[in-house]
C-alpha atoms as a PDB file:
ATOM      1  CA  MET A   1     -49.560  -7.273 -27.393  1.00  0.00           C
ATOM      2  CA  SER A   2     -50.213  -8.160 -23.771  1.00  0.00           C
ATOM      3  CA  LYS A   3     -49.828 -11.669 -22.668  1.00  0.00           C
ATOM      4  CA  LYS A   4     -52.965 -13.913 -21.374  1.00  0.00           C
ATOM      5  CA  GLU A   5     -52.502 -14.264 -17.601  1.00  0.00           C
ATOM      6  CA  ILE A   6     -52.685 -17.748 -16.075  1.00  0.00           C
ATOM      7  CA  THR A   7     -52.890 -18.175 -12.331  1.00  0.00           C
ATOM      8  CA  LEU A   8     -50.508 -20.991 -11.309  1.00  0.00           C
ATOM      9  CA  GLY A   9     -50.488 -22.678  -7.910  1.00  0.00           C
ATOM     10  CA  PHE A  10     -47.461 -24.604  -6.738  1.00  0.00           C
ATOM     11  CA  SER A  11     -45.650 -25.533  -3.371  1.00  0.00           C
ATOM     12  CA  PRO A  12     -42.501 -23.930  -2.071  1.00  0.00           C
ATOM     13  CA  CYS A  13     -41.065 -27.491  -1.950  1.00  0.00           C
ATOM     14  CA  PRO A  14     -37.736 -27.924  -3.856  1.00  0.00           C
ATOM     15  CA  ASN A  15     -39.250 -29.986  -6.523  1.00  0.00           C
ATOM     16  CA  ASP A  16     -42.071 -27.556  -7.356  1.00  0.00           C
ATOM     17  CA  CYS A  17     -39.636 -24.684  -7.559  1.00  0.00           C
ATOM     18  CA  PHE A  18     -37.263 -26.725  -9.753  1.00  0.00           C
ATOM     19  CA  ILE A  19     -39.886 -27.380 -12.298  1.00  0.00           C
ATOM     20  CA  PHE A  20     -41.412 -23.889 -12.381  1.00  0.00           C
ATOM     21  CA  ASP A  21     -38.609 -21.485 -12.079  1.00  0.00           C
ATOM     22  CA  ALA A  22     -37.693 -21.383 -15.689  1.00  0.00           C
ATOM     23  CA  LEU A  23     -41.497 -20.978 -16.486  1.00  0.00           C
ATOM     24  CA  ILE A  24     -42.441 -18.118 -14.157  1.00  0.00           C
ATOM     25  CA  HIS A  25     -38.996 -16.295 -14.789  1.00  0.00           C
ATOM     26  CA  GLN A  26     -39.484 -16.668 -18.502  1.00  0.00           C
ATOM     27  CA  LYS A  27     -36.183 -18.329 -19.051  1.00  0.00           C
ATOM     28  CA  ILE A  28     -37.872 -20.370 -21.693  1.00  0.00           C
ATOM     29  CA  ASP A  29     -40.648 -19.267 -24.409  1.00  0.00           C
ATOM     30  CA  THR A  30     -43.927 -19.161 -22.617  1.00  0.00           C
ATOM     31  CA  LYS A  31     -45.828 -18.307 -25.758  1.00  0.00           C
ATOM     32  CA  GLU A  32     -48.723 -15.830 -25.189  1.00  0.00           C
ATOM     33  CA  TYR A  33     -48.980 -16.659 -21.489  1.00  0.00           C
ATOM     34  CA  SER A  34     -47.852 -14.822 -18.454  1.00  0.00           C
ATOM     35  CA  PHE A  35     -47.982 -16.971 -15.438  1.00  0.00           C
ATOM     36  CA  ILE A  36     -48.777 -15.667 -11.992  1.00  0.00           C
ATOM     37  CA  PRO A  37     -47.446 -17.710  -9.199  1.00  0.00           C
ATOM     38  CA  VAL A  38     -49.320 -18.541  -6.105  1.00  0.00           C
ATOM     39  CA  ILE A  39     -47.051 -20.341  -3.705  1.00  0.00           C
ATOM     40  CA  GLU A  40     -48.761 -22.098  -0.968  1.00  0.00           C
ATOM     41  CA  ASP A  41     -48.647 -25.582   0.946  1.00  0.00           C
ATOM     42  CA  VAL A  42     -49.845 -28.452  -1.058  1.00  0.00           C
ATOM     43  CA  GLU A  43     -53.018 -28.659   1.261  1.00  0.00           C
ATOM     44  CA  THR A  44     -53.766 -25.006   0.939  1.00  0.00           C
ATOM     45  CA  LEU A  45     -53.621 -25.557  -2.670  1.00  0.00           C
ATOM     46  CA  ASN A  46     -56.017 -28.687  -2.451  1.00  0.00           C
ATOM     47  CA  LYS A  47     -58.501 -26.605  -0.753  1.00  0.00           C
ATOM     48  CA  MET A  48     -58.174 -23.770  -3.272  1.00  0.00           C
ATOM     49  CA  ALA A  49     -58.887 -26.251  -5.917  1.00  0.00           C
ATOM     50  CA  LEU A  50     -62.292 -27.308  -4.370  1.00  0.00           C
ATOM     51  CA  ASP A  51     -63.364 -23.687  -5.060  1.00  0.00           C
ATOM     52  CA  CYS A  52     -61.703 -23.725  -8.438  1.00  0.00           C
ATOM     53  CA  LYS A  53     -59.668 -20.761  -7.674  1.00  0.00           C
ATOM     54  CA  LEU A  54     -56.720 -21.214  -9.878  1.00  0.00           C
ATOM     55  CA  ASP A  55     -56.252 -21.818 -13.711  1.00  0.00           C
ATOM     56  CA  VAL A  56     -53.458 -24.212 -13.062  1.00  0.00           C
ATOM     57  CA  THR A  57     -52.331 -25.663  -9.917  1.00  0.00           C
ATOM     58  CA  LYS A  58     -50.375 -28.518  -8.179  1.00  0.00           C
ATOM     59  CA  LEU A  59     -52.869 -30.738  -6.664  1.00  0.00           C
ATOM     60  CA  SER A  60     -52.700 -34.040  -4.439  1.00  0.00           C
ATOM     61  CA  TYR A  61     -54.238 -36.936  -6.637  1.00  0.00           C
ATOM     62  CA  HIS A  62     -56.254 -37.497  -3.639  1.00  0.00           C
ATOM     63  CA  ALA A  63     -57.755 -33.992  -3.721  1.00  0.00           C
ATOM     64  CA  TYR A  64     -58.159 -34.475  -7.608  1.00  0.00           C
ATOM     65  CA  LEU A  65     -60.855 -37.220  -7.063  1.00  0.00           C
ATOM     66  CA  TYR A  66     -63.087 -34.230  -5.612  1.00  0.00           C
ATOM     67  CA  CYS A  67     -62.143 -31.802  -8.317  1.00  0.00           C
ATOM     68  CA  GLN A  68     -62.348 -33.835 -11.580  1.00  0.00           C
ATOM     69  CA  HIS A  69     -65.643 -32.060 -12.757  1.00  0.00           C
ATOM     70  CA  ASN A  70     -63.299 -28.907 -12.954  1.00  0.00           C
ATOM     71  CA  TYR A  71     -59.997 -29.953 -13.532  1.00  0.00           C
ATOM     72  CA  VAL A  72     -57.932 -32.096 -15.793  1.00  0.00           C
ATOM     73  CA  TYR A  73     -54.364 -33.647 -15.025  1.00  0.00           C
ATOM     74  CA  LEU A  74     -51.420 -32.596 -17.350  1.00  0.00           C
ATOM     75  CA  ASN A  75     -49.009 -35.112 -18.738  1.00  0.00           C
ATOM     76  CA  SER A  76     -46.124 -32.923 -17.395  1.00  0.00           C
ATOM     77  CA  GLY A  77     -45.168 -31.540 -13.888  1.00  0.00           C
ATOM     78  CA  SER A  78     -46.409 -34.688 -11.759  1.00  0.00           C
ATOM     79  CA  ALA A  79     -44.706 -36.037  -8.825  1.00  0.00           C
ATOM     80  CA  LEU A  80     -45.129 -39.672  -9.345  1.00  0.00           C
ATOM     81  CA  GLY A  81     -42.598 -42.793  -9.132  1.00  0.00           C
ATOM     82  CA  TYR A  82     -41.221 -45.517  -7.279  1.00  0.00           C
ATOM     83  CA  GLY A  83     -39.819 -45.445  -3.656  1.00  0.00           C
ATOM     84  CA  CYS A  84     -41.306 -41.811  -2.856  1.00  0.00           C
ATOM     85  CA  GLY A  85     -44.390 -42.789  -0.936  1.00  0.00           C
ATOM     86  CA  PRO A  86     -45.445 -41.263   2.393  1.00  0.00           C
ATOM     87  CA  LEU A  87     -44.010 -42.834   5.736  1.00  0.00           C
ATOM     88  CA  ILE A  88     -45.462 -43.640   9.043  1.00  0.00           C
ATOM     89  CA  ILE A  89     -43.009 -42.789  11.869  1.00  0.00           C
ATOM     90  CA  THR A  90     -42.995 -42.825  15.478  1.00  0.00           C
ATOM     91  CA  HIS A  91     -40.780 -41.873  18.468  1.00  0.00           C
ATOM     92  CA  SER A  92     -41.477 -45.214  20.340  1.00  0.00           C
ATOM     93  CA  GLU A  93     -40.164 -48.816  20.037  1.00  0.00           C
ATOM     94  CA  ASP A  94     -43.316 -49.943  21.769  1.00  0.00           C
ATOM     95  CA  ILE A  95     -45.772 -48.130  19.403  1.00  0.00           C
ATOM     96  CA  LYS A  96     -43.719 -49.736  16.356  1.00  0.00           C
ATOM     97  CA  LYS A  97     -43.851 -53.110  17.874  1.00  0.00           C
ATOM     98  CA  ASN A  98     -47.627 -52.977  18.551  1.00  0.00           C
ATOM     99  CA  PHE A  99     -48.653 -51.230  15.398  1.00  0.00           C
ATOM    100  CA  SER A 100     -50.019 -54.230  13.593  1.00  0.00           C
ATOM    101  CA  ASP A 101     -52.702 -54.793  16.425  1.00  0.00           C
ATOM    102  CA  LEU A 102     -56.013 -53.541  14.918  1.00  0.00           C
ATOM    103  CA  ASP A 103     -57.336 -52.477  18.475  1.00  0.00           C
ATOM    104  CA  PHE A 104     -54.107 -50.739  19.140  1.00  0.00           C
ATOM    105  CA  GLN A 105     -54.362 -48.598  16.141  1.00  0.00           C
ATOM    106  CA  LYS A 106     -57.824 -47.349  16.936  1.00  0.00           C
ATOM    107  CA  ASN A 107     -56.184 -45.575  19.965  1.00  0.00           C
ATOM    108  CA  LEU A 108     -53.187 -43.999  18.265  1.00  0.00           C
ATOM    109  CA  LYS A 109     -53.022 -40.258  17.902  1.00  0.00           C
ATOM    110  CA  ILE A 110     -51.482 -39.594  14.467  1.00  0.00           C
ATOM    111  CA  LEU A 111     -50.346 -36.537  12.862  1.00  0.00           C
ATOM    112  CA  ILE A 112     -51.341 -36.083   9.055  1.00  0.00           C
ATOM    113  CA  PRO A 113     -50.234 -33.387   6.570  1.00  0.00           C
ATOM    114  CA  GLY A 114     -53.799 -32.692   5.268  1.00  0.00           C
ATOM    115  CA  GLU A 115     -57.065 -34.258   4.825  1.00  0.00           C
ATOM    116  CA  LEU A 116     -56.968 -34.096   1.029  1.00  0.00           C
ATOM    117  CA  THR A 117     -53.212 -35.190   0.644  1.00  0.00           C
ATOM    118  CA  THR A 118     -52.550 -38.706  -1.025  1.00  0.00           C
ATOM    119  CA  ALA A 119     -50.721 -39.663   2.058  1.00  0.00           C
ATOM    120  CA  ASN A 120     -53.905 -39.662   4.053  1.00  0.00           C
ATOM    121  CA  TYR A 121     -55.874 -41.415   1.485  1.00  0.00           C
ATOM    122  CA  LEU A 122     -53.281 -44.287   1.269  1.00  0.00           C
ATOM    123  CA  LEU A 123     -53.515 -44.338   5.448  1.00  0.00           C
ATOM    124  CA  LYS A 124     -57.149 -44.905   4.914  1.00  0.00           C
ATOM    125  CA  ILE A 125     -56.790 -47.722   2.334  1.00  0.00           C
ATOM    126  CA  PHE A 126     -54.211 -49.566   4.232  1.00  0.00           C
ATOM    127  CA  PHE A 127     -54.809 -48.833   7.851  1.00  0.00           C
ATOM    128  CA  PRO A 128     -58.632 -47.867   7.803  1.00  0.00           C
ATOM    129  CA  ASN A 129     -58.694 -48.389  11.894  1.00  0.00           C
ATOM    130  CA  ILE A 130     -56.573 -45.322  12.412  1.00  0.00           C
ATOM    131  CA  ILE A 131     -59.098 -42.651  13.002  1.00  0.00           C
ATOM    132  CA  ASN A 132     -57.738 -40.297  15.612  1.00  0.00           C
ATOM    133  CA  LYS A 133     -56.030 -37.968  13.270  1.00  0.00           C
ATOM    134  CA  THR A 134     -54.818 -34.541  13.730  1.00  0.00           C
ATOM    135  CA  THR A 135     -53.942 -32.281  10.603  1.00  0.00           C
ATOM    136  CA  VAL A 136     -50.814 -30.055  10.908  1.00  0.00           C
ATOM    137  CA  LEU A 137     -48.383 -28.306   8.214  1.00  0.00           C
ATOM    138  CA  PHE A 138     -46.204 -31.208   7.072  1.00  0.00           C
ATOM    139  CA  SER A 139     -42.995 -29.462   8.396  1.00  0.00           C
ATOM    140  CA  GLU A 140     -44.289 -29.641  11.792  1.00  0.00           C
ATOM    141  CA  ILE A 141     -44.820 -33.429  12.282  1.00  0.00           C
ATOM    142  CA  GLU A 142     -41.280 -34.308  13.235  1.00  0.00           C
ATOM    143  CA  ASP A 143     -40.944 -31.848  16.092  1.00  0.00           C
ATOM    144  CA  LEU A 144     -44.322 -32.667  17.478  1.00  0.00           C
ATOM    145  CA  LEU A 145     -43.257 -36.387  17.435  1.00  0.00           C
ATOM    146  CA  VAL A 146     -39.960 -35.597  19.091  1.00  0.00           C
ATOM    147  CA  SER A 147     -41.867 -33.749  21.974  1.00  0.00           C
ATOM    148  CA  LYS A 148     -44.095 -36.908  22.296  1.00  0.00           C
ATOM    149  CA  GLN A 149     -47.333 -34.907  22.209  1.00  0.00           C
ATOM    150  CA  PHE A 150     -48.318 -37.812  19.557  1.00  0.00           C
ATOM    151  CA  ASP A 151     -47.956 -41.238  18.991  1.00  0.00           C
ATOM    152  CA  ALA A 152     -47.125 -41.499  15.275  1.00  0.00           C
ATOM    153  CA  GLY A 153     -46.913 -39.183  12.147  1.00  0.00           C
ATOM    154  CA  LEU A 154     -47.363 -39.578   8.516  1.00  0.00           C
ATOM    155  CA  ILE A 155     -44.615 -37.625   6.767  1.00  0.00           C
ATOM    156  CA  ILE A 156     -44.072 -36.386   3.122  1.00  0.00           C
ATOM    157  CA  HIS A 157     -41.517 -34.398   1.163  1.00  0.00           C
ATOM    158  CA  GLU A 158     -38.174 -33.869   2.431  1.00  0.00           C
ATOM    159  CA  ASN A 159     -38.976 -35.352   6.061  1.00  0.00           C
ATOM    160  CA  ARG A 160     -37.945 -38.692   4.651  1.00  0.00           C
ATOM    161  CA  PHE A 161     -34.560 -37.736   4.697  1.00  0.00           C
ATOM    162  CA  THR A 162     -34.371 -36.166   7.929  1.00  0.00           C
ATOM    163  CA  TYR A 163     -36.574 -38.093  10.493  1.00  0.00           C
ATOM    164  CA  LYS A 164     -33.893 -40.650  11.502  1.00  0.00           C
ATOM    165  CA  GLU A 165     -31.480 -38.192  12.449  1.00  0.00           C
ATOM    166  CA  LYS A 166     -34.134 -36.738  15.030  1.00  0.00           C
ATOM    167  CA  GLY A 167     -34.101 -40.274  16.535  1.00  0.00           C
ATOM    168  CA  LEU A 168     -37.704 -41.021  15.170  1.00  0.00           C
ATOM    169  CA  LEU A 169     -38.447 -44.602  13.739  1.00  0.00           C
ATOM    170  CA  LEU A 170     -40.095 -45.974  10.623  1.00  0.00           C
ATOM    171  CA  ILE A 171     -43.291 -47.938  11.042  1.00  0.00           C
ATOM    172  CA  HIS A 172     -44.334 -48.542   7.448  1.00  0.00           C
ATOM    173  CA  ASP A 173     -43.588 -47.083   3.990  1.00  0.00           C
ATOM    174  CA  LEU A 174     -46.870 -46.637   2.267  1.00  0.00           C
ATOM    175  CA  GLY A 175     -45.184 -46.415  -1.101  1.00  0.00           C
ATOM    176  CA  GLU A 176     -43.951 -49.868  -0.668  1.00  0.00           C
ATOM    177  CA  LEU A 177     -47.124 -51.143   0.294  1.00  0.00           C
ATOM    178  CA  TRP A 178     -48.763 -49.379  -2.707  1.00  0.00           C
ATOM    179  CA  GLU A 179     -46.183 -50.859  -5.182  1.00  0.00           C
ATOM    180  CA  LYS A 180     -46.461 -54.374  -3.608  1.00  0.00           C
ATOM    181  CA  GLU A 181     -50.197 -54.448  -4.234  1.00  0.00           C
ATOM    182  CA  THR A 182     -50.552 -52.596  -7.691  1.00  0.00           C
ATOM    183  CA  ARG A 183     -47.047 -52.901  -9.331  1.00  0.00           C
ATOM    184  CA  LEU A 184     -47.296 -49.256 -10.351  1.00  0.00           C
ATOM    185  CA  PRO A 185     -45.699 -46.233  -9.418  1.00  0.00           C
ATOM    186  CA  ILE A 186     -47.365 -43.912  -6.834  1.00  0.00           C
ATOM    187  CA  PRO A 187     -49.291 -40.994  -7.853  1.00  0.00           C
ATOM    188  CA  LEU A 188     -48.630 -38.259  -5.241  1.00  0.00           C
ATOM    189  CA  GLY A 189     -49.286 -35.050  -6.949  1.00  0.00           C
ATOM    190  CA  GLY A 190     -50.037 -33.671 -10.430  1.00  0.00           C
ATOM    191  CA  ILE A 191     -50.353 -30.373 -12.265  1.00  0.00           C
ATOM    192  CA  MET A 192     -54.112 -29.849 -13.221  1.00  0.00           C
ATOM    193  CA  ALA A 193     -55.700 -27.325 -15.395  1.00  0.00           C
ATOM    194  CA  LYS A 194     -59.370 -25.906 -15.511  1.00  0.00           C
ATOM    195  CA  LYS A 195     -61.440 -27.713 -18.047  1.00  0.00           C
ATOM    196  CA  PHE A 196     -62.930 -24.384 -19.309  1.00  0.00           C
ATOM    197  CA  LEU A 197     -59.635 -23.539 -20.933  1.00  0.00           C
ATOM    198  CA  SER A 198     -59.369 -24.470 -24.664  1.00  0.00           C
ATOM    199  CA  LYS A 199     -57.920 -27.824 -25.432  1.00  0.00           C
ATOM    200  CA  GLU A 200     -55.219 -25.752 -27.411  1.00  0.00           C
ATOM    201  CA  THR A 201     -54.416 -23.770 -24.230  1.00  0.00           C
ATOM    202  CA  ILE A 202     -54.096 -26.834 -22.039  1.00  0.00           C
ATOM    203  CA  CYS A 203     -51.727 -28.385 -24.600  1.00  0.00           C
ATOM    204  CA  GLU A 204     -49.667 -25.452 -24.800  1.00  0.00           C
ATOM    205  CA  ILE A 205     -49.373 -25.136 -21.054  1.00  0.00           C
ATOM    206  CA  GLU A 206     -48.395 -28.721 -20.931  1.00  0.00           C
ATOM    207  CA  GLN A 207     -45.502 -28.193 -23.225  1.00  0.00           C
ATOM    208  CA  ILE A 208     -44.428 -25.046 -21.396  1.00  0.00           C
ATOM    209  CA  ILE A 209     -44.038 -26.733 -18.141  1.00  0.00           C
ATOM    210  CA  ARG A 210     -42.212 -29.923 -19.954  1.00  0.00           C
ATOM    211  CA  SER A 211     -39.940 -27.154 -21.274  1.00  0.00           C
ATOM    212  CA  SER A 212     -39.431 -25.751 -17.905  1.00  0.00           C
ATOM    213  CA  ILE A 213     -38.469 -29.072 -16.552  1.00  0.00           C
ATOM    214  CA  VAL A 214     -36.079 -29.795 -19.434  1.00  0.00           C
ATOM    215  CA  TYR A 215     -34.568 -26.322 -18.830  1.00  0.00           C
ATOM    216  CA  ALA A 216     -33.899 -27.133 -15.132  1.00  0.00           C
ATOM    217  CA  PHE A 217     -32.190 -30.359 -15.713  1.00  0.00           C
ATOM    218  CA  GLU A 218     -30.015 -28.783 -18.310  1.00  0.00           C
ATOM    219  CA  ASN A 219     -29.449 -25.743 -16.070  1.00  0.00           C
ATOM    220  CA  THR A 220     -29.406 -26.762 -12.753  1.00  0.00           C
ATOM    221  CA  ALA A 221     -27.134 -24.305 -11.117  1.00  0.00           C
ATOM    222  CA  ASP A 222     -29.338 -21.471 -12.805  1.00  0.00           C
ATOM    223  CA  VAL A 223     -32.598 -22.597 -11.056  1.00  0.00           C
ATOM    224  CA  MET A 224     -31.256 -23.624  -7.582  1.00  0.00           C
ATOM    225  CA  PRO A 225     -31.136 -19.846  -6.345  1.00  0.00           C
ATOM    226  CA  PHE A 226     -35.087 -19.885  -6.658  1.00  0.00           C
ATOM    227  CA  VAL A 227     -35.171 -23.328  -4.940  1.00  0.00           C
ATOM    228  CA  LYS A 228     -33.127 -22.274  -1.971  1.00  0.00           C
ATOM    229  CA  GLN A 229     -35.057 -18.999  -1.593  1.00  0.00           C
ATOM    230  CA  HIS A 230     -38.260 -21.044  -0.603  1.00  0.00           C
ATOM    231  CA  ALA A 231     -36.411 -23.991   1.128  1.00  0.00           C
ATOM    232  CA  GLN A 232     -35.519 -21.848   3.938  1.00  0.00           C
ATOM    233  CA  ALA A 233     -33.035 -23.557   6.247  1.00  0.00           C
ATOM    234  CA  MET A 234     -33.198 -26.738   4.417  1.00  0.00           C
ATOM    235  CA  ASP A 235     -29.715 -28.478   4.161  1.00  0.00           C
ATOM    236  CA  GLU A 236     -28.555 -28.211   0.465  1.00  0.00           C
ATOM    237  CA  GLU A 237     -27.917 -32.088   0.256  1.00  0.00           C
ATOM    238  CA  VAL A 238     -31.716 -32.518   1.374  1.00  0.00           C
ATOM    239  CA  MET A 239     -32.791 -30.300  -1.480  1.00  0.00           C
ATOM    240  CA  LYS A 240     -30.962 -32.219  -3.874  1.00  0.00           C
ATOM    241  CA  LYS A 241     -32.149 -35.619  -2.784  1.00  0.00           C
ATOM    242  CA  HIS A 242     -35.680 -34.076  -2.609  1.00  0.00           C
ATOM    243  CA  ILE A 243     -35.358 -33.118  -6.197  1.00  0.00           C
ATOM    244  CA  ASP A 244     -33.838 -36.275  -7.388  1.00  0.00           C
ATOM    245  CA  LEU A 245     -36.778 -38.372  -5.836  1.00  0.00           C
ATOM    246  CA  TYR A 246     -39.539 -36.413  -7.009  1.00  0.00           C
ATOM    247  CA  VAL A 247     -38.637 -34.975 -10.176  1.00  0.00           C
ATOM    248  CA  ASN A 248     -38.061 -37.783 -12.727  1.00  0.00           C
ATOM    249  CA  GLN A 249     -38.978 -39.079 -16.269  1.00  0.00           C
ATOM    250  CA  PHE A 250     -42.781 -39.206 -15.274  1.00  0.00           C
ATOM    251  CA  SER A 251     -42.510 -35.312 -14.209  1.00  0.00           C
ATOM    252  CA  ILE A 252     -41.543 -34.779 -17.960  1.00  0.00           C
ATOM    253  CA  ASP A 253     -44.281 -36.879 -19.355  1.00  0.00           C
ATOM    254  CA  LEU A 254     -46.573 -39.413 -17.544  1.00  0.00           C
ATOM    255  CA  GLY A 255     -46.413 -41.997 -20.373  1.00  0.00           C
ATOM    256  CA  GLU A 256     -48.721 -45.046 -20.429  1.00  0.00           C
ATOM    257  CA  GLU A 257     -47.420 -46.403 -16.942  1.00  0.00           C
ATOM    258  CA  GLY A 258     -48.094 -43.233 -15.120  1.00  0.00           C
ATOM    259  CA  LYS A 259     -51.420 -42.633 -16.618  1.00  0.00           C
ATOM    260  CA  LYS A 260     -52.369 -46.236 -15.822  1.00  0.00           C
ATOM    261  CA  ALA A 261     -51.304 -45.402 -12.151  1.00  0.00           C
ATOM    262  CA  ILE A 262     -53.496 -42.597 -12.117  1.00  0.00           C
ATOM    263  CA  GLU A 263     -56.524 -44.493 -13.341  1.00  0.00           C
ATOM    264  CA  TYR A 264     -56.066 -47.116 -11.154  1.00  0.00           C
ATOM    265  CA  PHE A 265     -55.842 -44.828  -8.233  1.00  0.00           C
ATOM    266  CA  CYS A 266     -58.883 -43.176  -9.166  1.00  0.00           C
ATOM    267  CA  ARG A 267     -60.805 -46.186  -9.320  1.00  0.00           C
ATOM    268  CA  ILE A 268     -60.089 -47.437  -5.973  1.00  0.00           C
END
């Protein structure tokens, strides 16, 4: 009997490849489903979700605010936690020193990794005076700052482990600001399923993703080749730090604390 095909969107970042390797390569029981991977940058996935293109997809929780009529978040697969928020960085001590000045913020040229990213949403919440934004691929932000073409950048993913070695300076950790205000983990991205799928199907997919994560934790050496395949030239130590930070207990199951954080995020 042929399996039911489910399109599955996720990013090439180490945490997503770590989570989904066992699932898409059928190293675990995927029941009656065959998952068709669509691997794209998270902002591309965000835009695809606006058009409801994928059955199941990784999505920024900011983008989810605009897709709730079509998608429901799953209890497994999220990037959500403490100490993992986006960072505002710069190449200049003067910019860092003057950043708190509200008029100064209005004139800053800042790079962001996407309009629909949770990072940009947090920037709007905590620094609404920053309006001169340029969207680029997240992996380009550091080099553009090093070349001093822009004043500051909003970084996500593995860049939080590499910006210092490029001589760049931290201005603010938006995750810390979120945690200080809410006392909750920060919901960065989650796995969403189309609402037209049956409740039974959504529940089964949720369980399969959970099994895929557990398999990855128990068989890390087995899933790392897939992670490395999509990590390009990323240092292996950075890959490991990335996975350790973004794949955690909340990824296996949101629990009450994780759900509370998402519900709070959706209300503000």
